[in-house]
Protein backbone atom coordinates (compact mmCIF):
# COMPACT_ATOMS: atom_id res chain seq x y z
CA MET A 1 42.28 -5.86 5.88
CA TYR A 2 42.14 -5.98 9.69
CA ILE A 3 45.66 -6.40 11.15
CA ASP A 4 46.77 -5.68 14.72
CA ASN A 5 43.58 -3.75 15.54
CA LYS A 6 44.08 -1.58 12.46
CA LEU A 7 41.56 -1.29 9.64
CA TYR A 8 44.03 -1.17 6.77
CA VAL A 9 42.34 -0.15 3.52
CA ALA A 10 44.82 1.86 1.41
CA HIS A 11 48.51 2.53 0.84
CA CYS A 12 50.34 5.70 -0.19
CA GLU A 13 53.94 6.86 -0.50
CA ASN A 14 53.99 7.59 3.22
CA GLY A 15 52.80 4.09 4.16
CA GLU A 16 49.55 2.48 5.28
CA LEU A 17 46.29 4.38 5.51
CA CYS A 18 44.09 2.97 8.25
CA LEU A 19 40.69 3.81 9.67
CA THR A 20 40.69 4.61 13.38
CA GLY A 21 38.26 2.18 15.04
CA LYS A 22 36.54 4.57 17.43
CA MET A 23 36.16 7.15 14.63
CA CYS A 24 34.44 4.79 12.20
CA ASN A 25 31.04 5.86 13.53
CA ARG A 26 31.79 9.44 12.40
CA HIS A 27 30.50 8.39 8.97
CA GLY A 28 32.13 8.52 5.58
CA LEU A 29 31.93 9.04 1.83
CA ILE A 30 33.03 7.00 -1.19
CA ALA A 31 32.72 9.08 -4.37
CA GLY A 32 33.83 8.81 -7.97
CA ALA A 33 32.68 8.47 -11.55
CA THR A 34 31.32 5.21 -12.92
CA GLY A 35 34.05 2.61 -13.46
CA THR A 36 36.66 4.20 -11.19
CA GLY A 37 36.53 1.54 -8.44
CA LYS A 38 33.84 2.65 -5.97
CA THR A 39 32.34 -0.83 -5.62
CA VAL A 40 35.73 -2.44 -4.92
CA SER A 41 36.46 0.25 -2.31
CA LEU A 42 33.09 -0.48 -0.71
CA GLN A 43 33.91 -4.22 -0.70
CA VAL A 44 37.32 -3.62 0.88
CA LEU A 45 35.81 -1.46 3.62
CA ALA A 46 32.95 -3.91 4.25
CA GLU A 47 35.16 -7.01 4.54
CA THR A 48 37.63 -5.11 6.74
CA PHE A 49 34.84 -4.18 9.14
CA SER A 50 33.59 -7.77 9.06
CA GLN A 51 37.07 -9.11 9.91
CA ALA A 52 37.14 -6.68 12.83
CA GLY A 53 33.85 -8.13 14.14
CA VAL A 54 31.66 -5.23 12.95
CA PRO A 55 28.37 -6.19 11.21
CA VAL A 56 27.72 -4.47 7.89
CA PHE A 57 24.62 -3.61 5.87
CA ALA A 58 24.94 -2.70 2.18
CA ALA A 59 22.71 -2.50 -0.86
CA ASP A 60 24.03 -4.65 -3.72
CA MET A 61 23.10 -2.54 -6.71
CA LYS A 62 24.25 -4.84 -9.53
CA GLY A 63 24.96 -8.12 -7.74
CA ASP A 64 28.72 -7.51 -7.84
CA LEU A 65 29.03 -7.14 -4.09
CA SER A 66 27.72 -10.66 -3.46
CA GLY A 67 31.22 -12.02 -4.16
CA ILE A 68 32.15 -10.87 -0.65
CA SER A 69 30.60 -14.12 0.58
CA GLN A 70 33.18 -16.25 -1.25
CA GLU A 71 36.89 -16.76 -0.85
CA GLY A 72 38.96 -14.74 -3.34
CA LYS A 73 41.76 -16.07 -5.50
CA MET A 74 44.99 -14.85 -6.98
CA SER A 75 44.85 -12.94 -10.26
CA GLY A 76 47.35 -11.04 -12.35
CA PHE A 77 46.05 -7.73 -10.99
CA ILE A 78 46.36 -8.86 -7.36
CA GLU A 79 49.76 -10.45 -7.95
CA LYS A 80 51.02 -7.13 -9.30
CA ARG A 81 49.58 -5.20 -6.35
CA CYS A 82 50.95 -7.46 -3.57
CA PRO A 83 54.51 -5.98 -3.57
CA GLU A 84 53.05 -2.44 -3.51
CA PHE A 85 51.25 -3.26 -0.27
CA GLY A 86 54.07 -5.33 1.19
CA ILE A 87 52.00 -8.52 1.07
CA SER A 88 53.67 -11.77 0.07
CA ALA A 89 50.89 -14.33 0.48
CA PRO A 90 47.33 -12.95 0.79
CA GLU A 91 45.00 -14.98 3.02
CA PHE A 92 41.94 -15.07 0.80
CA GLN A 93 38.69 -15.49 2.70
CA GLY A 94 35.01 -14.83 2.38
CA CYS A 95 32.80 -13.15 4.95
CA PRO A 96 29.70 -14.49 6.71
CA THR A 97 26.92 -13.16 4.54
CA ARG A 98 23.14 -13.06 4.39
CA VAL A 99 21.18 -12.07 1.32
CA TYR A 100 17.89 -10.20 1.44
CA ASP A 101 15.44 -9.01 -1.17
CA VAL A 102 12.38 -6.79 -0.75
CA PHE A 103 10.64 -8.89 -3.41
CA GLY A 104 11.76 -12.18 -1.84
CA GLU A 105 13.34 -13.41 -5.09
CA GLN A 106 17.13 -13.24 -4.72
CA GLY A 107 17.21 -13.45 -0.97
CA THR A 108 15.21 -13.70 2.22
CA ALA A 109 12.19 -11.40 2.23
CA MET A 110 12.85 -8.07 3.94
CA ARG A 111 9.67 -6.12 4.53
CA THR A 112 8.06 -3.69 6.92
CA THR A 113 4.52 -2.58 7.81
CA VAL A 114 2.75 0.58 6.74
CA SER A 115 2.48 1.70 10.38
CA GLU A 116 6.20 1.24 10.99
CA MET A 117 7.02 3.13 7.81
CA GLY A 118 4.96 6.05 9.09
CA PRO A 119 3.11 8.84 7.26
CA GLN A 120 6.18 10.96 6.50
CA LEU A 121 8.08 8.23 4.65
CA MET A 122 4.88 6.92 3.05
CA ALA A 123 4.18 10.41 1.71
CA ARG A 124 7.67 10.48 0.20
CA LEU A 125 7.23 7.04 -1.30
CA MET A 126 3.93 8.09 -2.90
CA GLU A 127 5.31 11.51 -3.93
CA LEU A 128 2.45 13.40 -2.28
CA ASN A 129 2.24 17.16 -2.06
CA ASP A 130 2.02 18.96 1.30
CA VAL A 131 -1.79 18.96 1.43
CA GLN A 132 -2.03 15.27 0.55
CA ALA A 133 0.72 14.44 3.06
CA GLY A 134 -1.30 16.27 5.72
CA VAL A 135 -4.40 14.22 4.92
CA LEU A 136 -2.35 11.00 5.03
CA ASN A 137 -1.08 12.01 8.46
CA VAL A 138 -4.69 12.43 9.61
CA VAL A 139 -5.58 8.97 8.27
CA PHE A 140 -2.71 7.44 10.27
CA ARG A 141 -3.86 9.33 13.37
CA ILE A 142 -7.45 8.10 13.01
CA ALA A 143 -6.20 4.53 12.58
CA ASP A 144 -4.11 4.83 15.75
CA ASP A 145 -6.99 6.33 17.74
CA LYS A 146 -9.35 3.57 16.64
CA GLY A 147 -6.81 0.80 17.21
CA LEU A 148 -6.73 -0.21 13.54
CA LEU A 149 -3.44 -1.78 12.46
CA LEU A 150 -2.04 -0.64 9.12
CA ILE A 151 0.11 -3.59 8.10
CA ASP A 152 -0.06 -3.81 4.32
CA LEU A 153 -1.34 -1.71 1.44
CA LYS A 154 -4.82 -3.19 1.45
CA ASP A 155 -5.15 -2.00 5.05
CA LEU A 156 -4.16 1.51 4.00
CA ARG A 157 -6.44 1.45 0.96
CA LEU A 158 -9.51 0.42 2.98
CA MET A 159 -8.63 2.91 5.73
CA LEU A 160 -8.54 5.68 3.13
CA ASP A 161 -11.94 4.53 1.84
CA PHE A 162 -13.36 4.54 5.38
CA VAL A 163 -12.07 8.05 6.15
CA GLY A 164 -13.19 9.38 2.77
CA LYS A 165 -16.76 8.09 3.19
CA ASN A 166 -16.99 9.40 6.76
CA ALA A 167 -14.99 12.62 6.41
CA SER A 168 -17.73 14.71 8.03
CA MET A 169 -17.39 12.63 11.23
CA PHE A 170 -13.72 13.57 11.62
CA THR A 171 -13.63 17.20 10.48
CA THR A 172 -14.16 18.73 13.93
CA GLN A 173 -11.50 16.63 15.67
CA TYR A 174 -8.89 16.24 12.93
CA GLY A 175 -9.54 19.07 10.48
CA ASN A 176 -10.78 19.21 6.92
CA ILE A 177 -10.34 16.02 4.87
CA SER A 178 -10.55 16.68 1.15
CA SER A 179 -12.12 13.96 -0.98
CA ALA A 180 -9.80 15.03 -3.81
CA SER A 181 -6.75 14.38 -1.60
CA ILE A 182 -8.13 11.01 -0.53
CA GLY A 183 -8.61 10.11 -4.19
CA ALA A 184 -5.05 11.16 -5.08
CA ILE A 185 -3.59 9.10 -2.23
CA VAL A 186 -5.63 6.04 -3.24
CA ARG A 187 -4.30 6.35 -6.81
CA SER A 188 -0.75 6.51 -5.44
CA VAL A 189 -1.36 3.37 -3.37
CA LEU A 190 -2.62 1.54 -6.45
CA ALA A 191 0.47 2.70 -8.38
CA ILE A 192 2.78 1.30 -5.68
CA GLU A 193 0.88 -2.00 -5.72
CA SER A 194 1.24 -2.26 -9.49
CA GLU A 195 5.02 -1.79 -9.12
CA GLY A 196 5.31 -4.69 -6.68
CA GLY A 197 5.07 -2.59 -3.54
CA ASP A 198 2.51 -5.00 -2.13
CA LYS A 199 5.48 -7.29 -1.36
CA PHE A 200 7.27 -4.40 0.29
CA PHE A 201 4.72 -4.26 3.14
CA GLY A 202 3.52 -7.08 5.36
CA GLU A 203 4.46 -9.41 8.16
CA PRO A 204 6.69 -10.69 9.57
CA ALA A 205 8.32 -7.25 9.58
CA PHE A 206 12.10 -7.14 9.60
CA ASP A 207 13.76 -6.71 12.99
CA ILE A 208 16.75 -4.36 12.68
CA ASN A 209 18.50 -6.26 15.49
CA ASP A 210 19.09 -9.04 12.95
CA LEU A 211 21.58 -6.70 11.27
CA LEU A 212 23.81 -6.81 14.36
CA ASP A 213 24.80 -10.50 14.24
CA THR A 214 28.31 -11.90 14.31
CA GLU A 215 29.61 -15.38 13.45
CA LYS A 216 32.86 -16.81 14.79
CA GLY A 217 34.08 -13.36 15.72
CA LYS A 218 33.31 -11.84 12.32
CA GLY A 219 30.58 -9.34 11.61
CA VAL A 220 27.77 -10.66 9.41
CA ILE A 221 27.41 -8.78 6.13
CA SER A 222 23.75 -8.26 5.19
CA LEU A 223 23.30 -7.59 1.49
CA LEU A 224 20.09 -6.21 0.04
CA ALA A 225 19.61 -7.28 -3.58
CA ALA A 226 18.79 -3.92 -5.16
CA ASP A 227 19.19 -4.43 -8.90
CA LYS A 228 15.40 -4.59 -9.31
CA LEU A 229 14.62 -2.23 -6.47
CA MET A 230 16.82 0.58 -7.81
CA LEU A 231 14.56 0.77 -10.88
CA ARG A 232 12.11 2.36 -8.44
CA PRO A 233 14.33 5.06 -6.89
CA LYS A 234 11.71 6.33 -4.42
CA MET A 235 11.01 2.84 -3.12
CA TYR A 236 14.72 2.05 -2.81
CA SER A 237 15.72 5.23 -1.01
CA THR A 238 12.61 5.27 1.19
CA PHE A 239 13.23 1.70 2.32
CA LEU A 240 16.82 2.51 3.32
CA LEU A 241 15.60 5.67 5.04
CA TRP A 242 13.21 3.49 7.02
CA LEU A 243 16.08 1.20 8.06
CA LEU A 244 18.10 4.19 9.24
CA SER A 245 15.11 5.55 11.15
CA GLU A 246 14.51 2.19 12.82
CA LEU A 247 18.17 1.96 13.86
CA TYR A 248 18.04 5.48 15.26
CA GLU A 249 14.79 4.95 17.17
CA ASN A 250 15.45 1.48 18.56
CA LEU A 251 19.16 1.18 19.35
CA PRO A 252 20.33 2.27 22.81
CA GLU A 253 22.86 5.03 23.41
CA VAL A 254 26.40 3.63 23.68
CA GLY A 255 28.61 6.66 23.11
CA ASP A 256 31.96 6.33 21.33
CA MET A 257 32.99 2.66 21.15
CA GLU A 258 36.31 1.18 20.12
CA LEU A 259 34.52 -0.18 17.05
CA PRO A 260 31.02 0.54 15.72
CA LYS A 261 28.09 -1.79 16.40
CA LEU A 262 27.10 -1.55 12.73
CA VAL A 263 28.32 0.10 9.54
CA PHE A 264 25.61 1.08 7.05
CA PHE A 265 26.54 1.65 3.38
CA PHE A 266 24.09 3.73 1.37
CA ASP A 267 24.90 3.18 -2.32
CA GLU A 268 23.56 5.50 -5.04
CA ALA A 269 23.07 8.10 -2.32
CA HIS A 270 21.88 10.75 -4.76
CA MET A 271 18.55 8.86 -4.92
CA LEU A 272 18.07 9.63 -1.25
CA PHE A 273 18.05 13.38 -1.75
CA ASP A 274 16.32 13.70 -5.13
CA GLY A 275 12.86 15.15 -4.55
CA THR A 276 13.15 14.89 -0.77
CA SER A 277 11.28 17.55 1.17
CA LYS A 278 13.11 20.03 3.37
CA ALA A 279 11.46 18.52 6.46
CA LEU A 280 12.67 15.02 5.61
CA THR A 281 16.17 16.24 4.73
CA ASP A 282 16.34 17.99 8.10
CA LYS A 283 15.23 14.79 9.81
CA LEU A 284 17.91 12.80 7.95
CA GLU A 285 20.54 15.32 8.97
CA GLN A 286 19.47 14.90 12.58
CA ILE A 287 19.63 11.10 12.33
CA ILE A 288 23.14 11.20 10.83
CA ARG A 289 24.32 13.61 13.50
CA LEU A 290 22.93 11.63 16.43
CA ILE A 291 23.04 8.00 15.31
CA ARG A 292 26.80 7.82 15.84
CA SER A 293 26.12 7.88 19.61
CA LYS A 294 24.27 4.60 19.07
CA GLY A 295 27.34 3.01 17.53
CA VAL A 296 26.28 3.21 13.88
CA GLY A 297 28.50 4.53 11.10
CA ILE A 298 26.90 5.62 7.81
CA TYR A 299 28.90 5.62 4.58
CA PHE A 300 27.41 7.22 1.48
CA VAL A 301 28.45 5.96 -1.96
CA THR A 302 27.81 8.29 -4.89
CA GLN A 303 29.39 9.80 -7.98
CA SER A 304 30.08 13.30 -6.71
CA PRO A 305 30.20 14.94 -3.28
CA THR A 306 27.82 17.55 -4.67
CA ASP A 307 25.09 14.88 -4.59
CA ILE A 308 25.09 15.24 -0.81
CA PRO A 309 23.56 18.31 0.91
CA GLU A 310 26.26 20.50 2.40
CA ASP A 311 25.05 20.17 6.00
CA ILE A 312 25.24 16.37 5.74
CA LEU A 313 28.49 16.36 3.76
CA GLY A 314 30.16 18.21 6.61
CA GLN A 315 29.48 15.27 8.93
CA LEU A 316 31.23 12.71 6.71
CA GLY A 317 34.76 12.62 8.17
CA ASN A 318 36.22 9.49 6.50
CA ARG A 319 36.56 9.99 2.74
CA ILE A 320 37.66 8.07 -0.32
CA GLN A 321 37.49 10.11 -3.51
CA HIS A 322 37.95 8.31 -6.84
CA ALA A 323 38.40 10.05 -10.18
CA LEU A 324 35.90 12.56 -11.54
CA ARG A 325 35.50 13.63 -15.16
CA ALA A 326 35.47 17.33 -15.97
CA TYR A 327 34.39 18.01 -19.52
CA THR A 328 32.00 20.88 -18.85
CA PRO A 329 32.08 23.97 -16.61
CA LYS A 330 29.55 22.24 -14.36
CA ASP A 331 31.82 19.18 -14.05
CA GLN A 332 34.80 21.42 -13.30
CA LYS A 333 32.84 23.14 -10.58
CA ALA A 334 31.99 19.73 -9.06
CA VAL A 335 35.70 18.83 -9.08
CA ARG A 336 36.63 22.06 -7.31
CA THR A 337 33.89 21.46 -4.74
CA ALA A 338 35.16 17.93 -4.10
CA ALA A 339 38.75 19.20 -3.74
CA GLU A 340 37.65 21.83 -1.23
CA THR A 341 36.23 19.17 1.09
CA PHE A 342 39.73 17.82 1.83
CA ARG A 343 42.47 19.07 4.06
CA GLN A 344 44.98 20.13 1.42
CA ASN A 345 48.31 18.40 0.80
CA LYS A 346 51.10 20.73 -0.38
CA ALA A 347 52.65 17.90 -2.38
CA PHE A 348 50.01 18.05 -5.12
CA ASN A 349 47.03 20.00 -6.40
CA THR A 350 43.94 18.21 -5.14
CA ALA A 351 41.66 19.30 -7.99
CA ASP A 352 44.16 18.20 -10.64
CA ALA A 353 44.72 14.90 -8.84
CA ILE A 354 40.99 14.11 -8.81
CA MET A 355 40.87 14.31 -12.61
CA ASN A 356 43.98 12.17 -13.10
CA LEU A 357 43.40 9.25 -10.74
CA GLY A 358 43.63 5.77 -12.26
CA THR A 359 41.28 2.87 -11.60
CA GLY A 360 41.76 1.69 -8.03
CA GLU A 361 43.42 4.95 -7.05
CA ALA A 362 41.79 7.51 -4.78
CA LEU A 363 42.33 10.55 -2.63
CA VAL A 364 42.01 9.36 0.95
CA SER A 365 41.49 11.24 4.20
CA PHE A 366 40.48 9.55 7.45
CA LEU A 367 39.84 11.00 10.90
CA ASP A 368 42.70 10.70 13.36
CA GLU A 369 42.51 9.66 17.02
CA LYS A 370 41.28 13.13 17.99
CA GLY A 371 38.61 13.27 15.31
CA ALA A 372 40.48 15.69 13.03
CA PRO A 373 40.66 14.95 9.28
CA ALA A 374 44.11 13.85 8.13
CA ILE A 375 45.87 15.56 5.25
CA VAL A 376 44.61 14.11 1.99
CA GLU A 377 46.83 11.47 0.40
CA ARG A 378 46.89 10.07 -3.10
CA ALA A 379 46.69 6.33 -2.50
CA LYS A 380 45.89 2.92 -3.92
CA ILE A 381 42.97 1.00 -2.43
CA LEU A 382 43.82 -2.47 -1.10
CA PHE A 383 42.46 -5.39 -3.13
CA PRO A 384 39.66 -7.50 -1.56
CA LEU A 385 40.44 -10.89 -0.01
CA SER A 386 37.01 -12.08 -1.07
CA GLN A 387 35.78 -12.79 -4.58
CA ILE A 388 35.49 -9.84 -6.93
CA GLY A 389 32.25 -10.09 -8.92
CA ALA A 390 28.84 -11.68 -8.58
CA ILE A 391 28.11 -15.17 -7.29
CA THR A 392 25.91 -17.74 -9.04
CA ALA A 393 22.21 -18.28 -8.39
CA GLY A 394 23.09 -21.64 -6.77
CA GLN A 395 25.55 -20.03 -4.37
CA ARG A 396 22.98 -17.39 -3.51
CA LEU A 397 20.43 -20.10 -2.73
CA ASP A 398 22.98 -21.92 -0.53
CA ILE A 399 23.56 -18.72 1.47
CA ARG A 400 19.84 -18.24 1.83
CA ASN A 401 19.27 -21.79 3.04
CA ALA A 402 22.21 -21.63 5.48
CA ALA A 403 20.75 -18.63 7.35
CA PRO A 404 19.48 -19.22 10.91
CA ALA A 405 15.90 -20.43 11.26
CA ARG A 406 14.72 -17.09 12.65
CA ILE A 407 16.01 -15.39 9.49
CA ARG A 408 14.33 -17.92 7.20
CA GLU A 409 11.06 -17.22 9.01
CA TYR A 410 10.86 -13.92 7.16
CA ASP A 411 9.85 -15.88 4.08
CA ASN A 412 6.75 -17.24 5.85
CA TYR A 413 4.34 -14.42 5.10
CA PHE A 414 1.22 -14.22 7.27
CA ASP A 415 -1.78 -11.92 7.34
CA ARG A 416 -3.26 -11.36 10.77
CA GLU A 417 -6.36 -9.33 11.63
CA SER A 418 -5.74 -5.69 10.87
CA ALA A 419 -7.59 -2.65 9.53
CA TYR A 420 -8.65 -4.49 6.37
CA GLU A 421 -10.34 -7.34 8.24
CA VAL A 422 -11.97 -5.05 10.84
CA LEU A 423 -13.29 -2.58 8.27
CA THR A 424 -14.42 -5.36 5.91
CA ALA A 425 -16.41 -6.95 8.76
CA ALA A 426 -17.90 -3.55 9.60
CA ASN A 427 -18.83 -2.95 5.95
CA ASP A 428 -20.37 -6.41 5.73
CA GLU A 429 -22.44 -5.72 8.86
CA ILE A 430 -23.58 -2.38 7.47
CA ALA A 431 -24.52 -4.08 4.19
CA ARG A 432 -26.41 -6.77 6.13
CA GLN A 433 -28.32 -4.16 8.12
CA LYS A 434 -29.11 -2.26 4.92
CA ASP A 435 -30.38 -5.46 3.29
CA GLU A 436 -32.47 -6.23 6.37
CA ALA A 437 -33.87 -2.70 6.46
CA ALA A 438 -34.64 -2.88 2.74
CA LEU A 439 -36.39 -6.23 3.25
CA GLN A 440 -38.44 -4.82 6.13
CA LYS A 441 -39.32 -1.77 4.04
CA ALA A 442 -40.36 -4.00 1.14
CA GLU A 443 -42.46 -6.14 3.47
CA ALA A 444 -44.14 -3.05 4.92
CA GLU A 445 -44.79 -1.74 1.41
CA ARG A 446 -46.28 -5.10 0.39
CA ALA A 447 -48.52 -5.12 3.46
CA LYS A 448 -49.60 -1.57 2.71
CA LEU A 449 -50.45 -2.48 -0.86
CA GLU A 450 -52.31 -5.57 0.33
CA ALA A 451 -54.34 -3.50 2.76
CA LYS A 452 -55.10 -1.00 0.04
CA ALA A 453 -56.15 -3.81 -2.31
CA GLN A 454 -58.36 -5.29 0.41
CA LYS A 455 -59.98 -1.92 0.96
CA GLU A 456 -60.56 -1.59 -2.78
CA ARG A 457 -62.15 -5.06 -2.87
CA GLU A 458 -64.44 -4.24 0.04
CA LYS A 459 -65.39 -0.95 -1.61
CA ALA A 460 -66.12 -2.77 -4.87
CA GLU A 461 -68.27 -5.35 -3.04
CA LYS A 462 -70.28 -2.63 -1.30
CA ALA A 463 -70.74 -0.84 -4.59
CA GLU A 464 -71.87 -4.07 -6.22
CA GLN A 465 -74.29 -4.79 -3.38
CA LYS A 466 -75.68 -1.27 -3.61
CA ALA A 467 -76.01 -1.59 -7.35
CA SER A 468 -77.76 -4.96 -6.97
CA SER A 469 -80.20 -3.50 -4.46
CA SER A 470 -81.01 -0.59 -6.77
CA ILE A 471 -81.54 -2.93 -9.70
CA SER A 472 -83.79 -5.17 -7.59
CA ARG A 473 -85.96 -2.27 -6.50
CA GLY A 474 -86.16 -1.02 -10.06
CA LEU A 475 -87.07 -4.43 -11.42
CA LEU A 476 -89.75 -4.98 -8.84
CA GLY A 477 -91.30 -1.65 -9.74
CA THR A 478 -91.16 -2.49 -13.40
CA ILE A 479 -92.61 -5.93 -12.83
CA ALA A 480 -95.44 -4.51 -10.71
CA ALA A 481 -96.24 -1.86 -13.30
CA ALA A 482 -96.11 -4.39 -16.08
CA ALA A 483 -98.26 -6.77 -14.10
CA ALA A 484 -100.83 -4.09 -13.39
CA THR A 485 -100.97 -3.03 -17.02
CA SER A 486 -101.28 -6.60 -18.28
CA PHE A 487 -103.84 -7.39 -15.65
CA ALA A 488 -105.93 -4.39 -16.59
CA ARG A 489 -105.74 -5.23 -20.25
CA SER A 490 -106.57 -8.84 -19.53
CA MET A 491 -109.52 -7.90 -17.45
CA ALA A 492 -110.78 -5.56 -20.06
CA THR A 493 -110.40 -8.14 -22.80
CA GLN A 494 -112.00 -10.83 -20.68
CA ALA A 495 -114.88 -8.59 -19.82
CA ALA A 496 -115.40 -7.72 -23.43
CA ARG A 497 -115.28 -11.34 -24.46
CA SER A 498 -117.55 -12.39 -21.62
CA ILE A 499 -120.07 -9.95 -22.85
CA GLY A 500 -119.52 -11.42 -26.29
CA GLY A 501 -119.89 -14.95 -24.94
CA THR A 502 -116.30 -16.11 -25.19
CA SER A 503 -115.39 -19.56 -23.91
CA THR A 504 -113.46 -20.72 -20.86
CA ARG A 505 -110.54 -21.63 -23.16
CA ARG A 506 -110.00 -17.97 -23.96
CA SER A 507 -110.03 -17.10 -20.28
CA THR A 508 -107.15 -19.51 -19.77
CA SER A 509 -105.27 -17.93 -22.70
CA ALA A 510 -105.77 -14.56 -21.11
CA GLY A 511 -104.01 -15.75 -17.90
CA SER A 512 -101.15 -17.12 -19.98
CA SER A 513 -100.89 -13.85 -21.87
CA LEU A 514 -100.73 -12.03 -18.57
CA LEU A 515 -97.69 -14.06 -17.50
CA ASP A 516 -96.04 -13.62 -20.87
CA GLY A 517 -96.59 -9.94 -20.61
CA LEU A 518 -95.08 -9.83 -17.15
CA PHE A 519 -91.99 -11.84 -18.15
CA GLY A 520 -91.59 -10.08 -21.45
CA SER A 521 -91.79 -6.59 -20.04
CA ALA A 522 -89.43 -7.38 -17.19
CA THR A 523 -86.91 -9.16 -19.42
CA LYS A 524 -86.81 -6.32 -21.92
CA THR A 525 -86.15 -3.90 -19.07
CA ALA A 526 -82.96 -5.84 -18.18
CA THR A 527 -80.32 -4.40 -20.55
CA ASN A 528 -77.30 -6.55 -19.67
CA THR A 529 -76.45 -10.08 -18.68
CA ALA A 530 -76.01 -9.36 -14.96
CA THR A 531 -79.31 -7.54 -14.82
CA ARG A 532 -81.08 -10.29 -16.72
CA LYS A 533 -79.75 -12.85 -14.28
CA ILE A 534 -81.05 -10.88 -11.35
CA THR A 535 -84.33 -10.36 -13.14
CA ASN A 536 -84.78 -14.03 -13.79
CA GLU A 537 -84.05 -14.90 -10.17
CA LEU A 538 -86.54 -12.33 -8.91
CA LEU A 539 -89.25 -13.48 -11.25
CA LYS A 540 -88.74 -17.07 -10.35
CA GLY A 541 -89.04 -16.16 -6.70
CA LEU A 542 -92.07 -14.02 -7.35
CA PHE A 543 -94.01 -16.64 -9.25
CA LYS A 544 -92.75 -19.72 -7.55
């Protein structure tokens, strides 16, 4: 509740407990076991910041936080609490709210590009080892050097394929690129796509300046529907890490302001640090330490302070600690650790108090005007003035449709020319050139075979001509010999018959016998059809 420039969020025996405006960017922590009131405390803080004109971003893990958009109403619980807080008639009111969803289902699409995510966060998202992360960094560098935009996962996948196939080209300039690492990264990309990560990347990419809007003097509360996203812890935490990185890199320095420019709630914060590399944890620590100078306050929400690395926990000055359970030695140690993070109050034992807090109760310590933590107080958190609990699907749709036109534009996905289109065109051109070269090679081979066949035909014709000439000469010799023999015999017979007084009729028969002898001898000499044909032609020409 924002009253008289005070961010009033809790009440203890000593009176109101208020956040100091110019110390709200010194970050904070809301911790406690499940069911102890963390979400309501988050809602109270968020609506109080909104009433003060400070925009808020928060992940809505179960949909419960969406009620902040609607006006609250009196209940038995609130009616009982009013006298405790000195409130007679609560002014119930909702907050200006926008709903977002990485998958574009329960709110306006909120996405980024692969290039904006960067190799370090992409490596975390894909759970790559150090060697694979190094190769991914090289792939990003090659894409930058060649002017290839990595917008969505298909861009990254084709870029990996390009680098893998041409690794030898890049070894000298960028170092060794293992095909095994490329294969592992490609498998990780496919796994992300199968989990819906293809909707996570694309354009239009979200502009973090849209988180800084106000309406009618109130800060706009941007809620990210995370009930589906939190089932993929790496994707959830990596996306929020990207948002923090974008805020850090793009917002100008403003120093300590009277009120923050933005308050960022990171629910289920333990997901952020599970499996996070030392390098990334160090980077996060740096962001948290320096982002306050850009007017941004970060508030982690988790079950136990031990979920937060010690170096980061030390930077969280504003704290609300709900009850913790301590059934095991490990739980008891966590309670003692949580108690030791507070400035002790002599009125009670902090560790004992943590285990005995009721629902809606908390140990509270905020930074004072000088930035020093106040003595811890056992307090009751103020009830929200907005609706407690989730809104309906119809109300969610109304909020989505009521957003400014520039916000609704995020739902209009487009796919401009990027690495995928450029590399696909290049691959198509290479394939075309290969097809053309193959066609030319086939044509040359056909021509070569044709020439060889022609040569074989010419050789066969020459052989046939040579064979024909040999046969002709042989036949002529045979015919001449046969003719001579027949002639001699004829002459001898004729002479003998002339002496014997044979008639002219027998002389004629002798000439006929001579011809028969010639034809018969020659024909018998021809042993095949082709030879016979030649023989017949020669004889016809000879005796024409």
